[in-house]
Amino acid sequence: MALLVLVVWVGVRLVFDGWSGWPGILVGGFVYAGFMTWYLMRRRRRDARAVGTDAARVPELERRIAKNGELPEDPAERAAMVRLIRRREEKLRRNRWWAFPLLGLVFFGIPMLWFAAGNVPAGMWGLVFGAMLLGWMVWFNRRFVRRMTRMRQRIEGVGGGAATGSVAGAAARPGGVSVGGPGGGPGGGAEGFAHRAR
């Protein structure tokens, strides 16, 4: 991610500002790449604490979710994946109302400023780039939401019956400790784990 931010930042700035300012552009790219690295590592540690897994496992779980890949064999890790999906879904629901309008304002507002300043080529490039990037982000967000839903449904349906109950019980606590109902069976309404639709 840091490399991607560095390449995109430097590339866009060179297109708009030319090669004459490349030292400052490169320094700015490293600053933003460093900030993004710190932010993502911080988010990874918070996610790991919230879902009850190691920070090093979070990227692997996210890759499996994004690709709708193989389910973890360990029930506790499946439960952690469900909690991670629930956490992502909640954040998307909470931030959706302001995130995309703000991005639209940034992507299309800055080109308007360039047009107002008389820099028509930069304004046109900004509009095209902004429209493409915003469209990609909307498409990627919808695809990721669909894949999260499918992965969660796959985990909830693994093995059926007792297997589903054991995963639900492990999902009840970050440490993977089951919450038992009467007679030691799995309890209903585990934290971060919805009841299966009937």
Protein backbone atom coordinates (compact mmCIF):
# COMPACT_ATOMS: atom_id res chain seq x y z
CA MET A 1 0.00 0.00 0.00
CA ALA A 2 2.84 2.37 0.81
CA LEU A 3 4.45 1.66 -2.57
CA LEU A 4 1.12 2.20 -4.33
CA VAL A 5 0.59 5.55 -2.59
CA LEU A 6 4.15 6.61 -3.44
CA VAL A 7 3.83 5.71 -7.13
CA VAL A 8 0.38 7.29 -7.55
CA TRP A 9 1.33 10.48 -5.68
CA VAL A 10 4.58 10.98 -7.59
CA GLY A 11 2.98 10.07 -10.94
CA VAL A 12 0.03 12.44 -10.57
CA ARG A 13 2.17 15.32 -9.32
CA LEU A 14 4.68 14.87 -12.16
CA VAL A 15 1.84 14.94 -14.70
CA PHE A 16 0.46 18.20 -13.32
CA ASP A 17 3.65 19.97 -12.15
CA GLY A 18 6.29 18.65 -14.54
CA TRP A 19 9.75 17.27 -13.84
CA SER A 20 11.17 20.52 -12.50
CA GLY A 21 9.81 19.97 -8.99
CA TRP A 22 10.61 16.28 -8.70
CA PRO A 23 12.67 16.51 -5.44
CA GLY A 24 9.78 18.06 -3.49
CA ILE A 25 7.30 15.72 -5.14
CA LEU A 26 9.36 12.68 -4.15
CA VAL A 27 9.69 13.90 -0.55
CA GLY A 28 5.94 14.50 -0.38
CA GLY A 29 5.34 11.02 -1.75
CA PHE A 30 7.45 9.43 0.97
CA VAL A 31 5.64 11.48 3.64
CA TYR A 32 2.22 10.36 2.45
CA ALA A 33 3.38 6.76 1.99
CA GLY A 34 4.76 6.75 5.54
CA PHE A 35 1.50 8.17 6.90
CA MET A 36 -0.58 5.55 5.08
CA THR A 37 1.68 2.77 6.37
CA TRP A 38 1.31 4.01 9.95
CA TYR A 39 -2.47 4.37 9.57
CA LEU A 40 -2.95 0.87 8.13
CA MET A 41 -0.75 -0.76 10.76
CA ARG A 42 -2.72 1.05 13.47
CA ARG A 43 -6.01 -0.13 11.95
CA ARG A 44 -4.67 -3.69 11.73
CA ARG A 45 -3.77 -3.73 15.42
CA ARG A 46 -7.20 -2.39 16.38
CA ASP A 47 -8.95 -4.95 14.19
CA ALA A 48 -6.89 -7.75 15.72
CA ARG A 49 -7.84 -6.72 19.26
CA ALA A 50 -11.52 -6.37 18.31
CA VAL A 51 -11.87 -9.75 16.60
CA GLY A 52 -9.54 -11.77 18.84
CA THR A 53 -6.67 -12.70 16.54
CA ASP A 54 -3.07 -11.72 15.87
CA ALA A 55 -2.38 -8.53 13.90
CA ALA A 56 -0.33 -10.57 11.42
CA ARG A 57 -3.41 -12.66 10.60
CA VAL A 58 -5.69 -9.74 9.71
CA PRO A 59 -4.34 -9.20 6.15
CA GLU A 60 -4.69 -12.92 5.37
CA LEU A 61 -8.27 -12.95 6.62
CA GLU A 62 -9.03 -9.85 4.56
CA ARG A 63 -7.52 -11.43 1.44
CA ARG A 64 -9.64 -14.54 1.89
CA ILE A 65 -12.74 -12.40 2.35
CA ALA A 66 -11.96 -10.23 -0.70
CA LYS A 67 -11.35 -13.28 -2.91
CA ASN A 68 -14.15 -15.34 -1.37
CA GLY A 69 -11.47 -17.99 -0.92
CA GLU A 70 -10.99 -21.01 1.31
CA LEU A 71 -12.51 -21.03 4.75
CA PRO A 72 -10.11 -21.37 7.69
CA GLU A 73 -10.06 -24.89 9.13
CA ASP A 74 -9.86 -23.66 12.72
CA PRO A 75 -13.36 -22.84 14.09
CA ALA A 76 -11.87 -20.06 16.23
CA GLU A 77 -10.35 -18.46 13.14
CA ARG A 78 -13.68 -18.76 11.31
CA ALA A 79 -15.28 -16.97 14.23
CA ALA A 80 -12.61 -14.26 14.04
CA MET A 81 -13.32 -13.89 10.32
CA VAL A 82 -17.04 -13.46 11.02
CA ARG A 83 -16.28 -10.79 13.60
CA LEU A 84 -13.98 -9.03 11.13
CA ILE A 85 -16.71 -9.11 8.48
CA ARG A 86 -19.25 -7.73 10.96
CA ARG A 87 -16.80 -4.98 11.91
CA ARG A 88 -16.25 -4.00 8.27
CA GLU A 89 -19.98 -4.09 7.51
CA GLU A 90 -20.76 -1.86 10.48
CA LYS A 91 -18.09 0.67 9.51
CA LEU A 92 -19.33 0.77 5.93
CA ARG A 93 -22.90 1.37 7.10
CA ARG A 94 -21.78 4.05 9.53
CA ASN A 95 -19.51 5.93 7.10
CA ARG A 96 -21.39 5.50 3.82
CA TRP A 97 -23.55 8.61 4.26
CA TRP A 98 -20.57 10.99 4.37
CA ALA A 99 -17.57 9.21 2.80
CA PHE A 100 -18.65 9.06 -0.85
CA PRO A 101 -20.16 12.59 -0.90
CA LEU A 102 -16.93 13.92 0.58
CA LEU A 103 -14.85 12.05 -2.01
CA GLY A 104 -17.10 13.41 -4.76
CA LEU A 105 -16.62 16.93 -3.45
CA VAL A 106 -12.84 16.49 -3.42
CA PHE A 107 -12.57 14.75 -6.81
CA PHE A 108 -14.82 17.23 -8.61
CA GLY A 109 -14.29 20.35 -6.52
CA ILE A 110 -10.54 20.60 -7.14
CA PRO A 111 -10.93 20.49 -10.96
CA MET A 112 -13.51 23.29 -10.64
CA LEU A 113 -10.88 25.38 -8.87
CA TRP A 114 -8.43 24.69 -11.71
CA PHE A 115 -11.07 25.75 -14.24
CA ALA A 116 -11.72 28.93 -12.25
CA ALA A 117 -7.98 29.65 -12.22
CA GLY A 118 -7.86 29.27 -16.02
CA ASN A 119 -5.96 25.98 -16.06
CA VAL A 120 -8.31 24.10 -18.40
CA PRO A 121 -6.02 21.11 -19.18
CA ALA A 122 -5.43 20.40 -15.47
CA GLY A 123 -9.16 20.75 -14.83
CA MET A 124 -10.03 18.29 -17.58
CA TRP A 125 -7.44 15.77 -16.38
CA GLY A 126 -8.73 16.19 -12.84
CA LEU A 127 -12.34 15.55 -13.90
CA VAL A 128 -11.44 12.43 -15.87
CA PHE A 129 -9.20 11.06 -13.14
CA GLY A 130 -11.74 11.88 -10.41
CA ALA A 131 -14.63 10.28 -12.28
CA MET A 132 -12.63 7.12 -12.99
CA LEU A 133 -11.34 6.83 -9.42
CA LEU A 134 -14.71 7.49 -7.80
CA GLY A 135 -16.42 5.02 -10.14
CA TRP A 136 -13.80 2.38 -9.33
CA MET A 137 -14.22 2.97 -5.59
CA VAL A 138 -18.03 2.60 -5.80
CA TRP A 139 -17.67 -0.62 -7.84
CA PHE A 140 -14.99 -2.04 -5.53
CA ASN A 141 -17.03 -1.21 -2.43
CA ARG A 142 -20.13 -2.97 -3.77
CA ARG A 143 -18.13 -6.01 -4.84
CA PHE A 144 -16.40 -6.23 -1.46
CA VAL A 145 -19.74 -5.98 0.38
CA ARG A 146 -21.17 -8.81 -1.75
CA ARG A 147 -18.12 -10.99 -1.10
CA MET A 148 -18.22 -10.29 2.63
CA THR A 149 -21.87 -11.33 2.70
CA ARG A 150 -21.18 -14.53 0.75
CA MET A 151 -18.22 -15.44 2.95
CA ARG A 152 -20.21 -14.86 6.13
CA GLN A 153 -23.06 -17.00 4.81
CA ARG A 154 -20.62 -19.77 3.90
CA ILE A 155 -19.15 -19.77 7.40
CA GLU A 156 -22.56 -19.71 9.06
CA GLY A 157 -23.60 -22.69 6.95
CA VAL A 158 -20.42 -24.78 7.36
CA GLY A 159 -21.29 -28.34 8.31
CA GLY A 160 -24.82 -27.37 9.34
CA GLY A 161 -26.29 -28.00 12.81
CA ALA A 162 -23.63 -28.67 15.43
CA ALA A 163 -20.78 -27.31 13.33
CA THR A 164 -22.60 -24.01 12.87
CA GLY A 165 -23.35 -23.87 16.57
CA SER A 166 -19.71 -24.41 17.50
CA VAL A 167 -18.59 -21.60 15.21
CA ALA A 168 -21.31 -19.33 16.58
CA GLY A 169 -20.24 -20.15 20.10
CA ALA A 170 -16.61 -19.42 19.32
CA ALA A 171 -17.67 -16.14 17.74
CA ALA A 172 -19.23 -15.03 20.98
CA ARG A 173 -15.93 -14.01 22.52
CA PRO A 174 -12.67 -12.71 20.99
CA GLY A 175 -10.78 -15.49 22.74
CA GLY A 176 -12.91 -18.14 21.03
CA VAL A 177 -14.60 -19.35 24.25
CA SER A 178 -18.01 -20.87 23.62
CA VAL A 179 -21.12 -19.45 25.19
CA GLY A 180 -23.22 -22.43 26.20
CA GLY A 181 -26.95 -22.62 26.37
CA PRO A 182 -28.89 -25.04 28.53
CA GLY A 183 -27.19 -28.42 28.75
CA GLY A 184 -23.90 -27.07 27.39
CA GLY A 185 -25.22 -26.47 23.86
CA PRO A 186 -24.40 -23.38 21.85
CA GLY A 187 -26.14 -20.25 23.05
CA GLY A 188 -28.21 -18.09 20.72
CA GLY A 189 -27.42 -14.54 19.66
CA ALA A 190 -23.63 -14.78 19.80
CA GLU A 191 -21.89 -11.44 19.63
CA GLY A 192 -21.16 -10.45 16.05
CA PHE A 193 -22.92 -13.54 14.70
CA ALA A 194 -26.45 -13.18 13.40
CA HIS A 195 -29.11 -15.84 13.82
CA ARG A 196 -29.55 -17.82 10.65
CA ALA A 197 -32.53 -16.82 8.57
CA ARG A 198 -35.43 -19.21 8.65
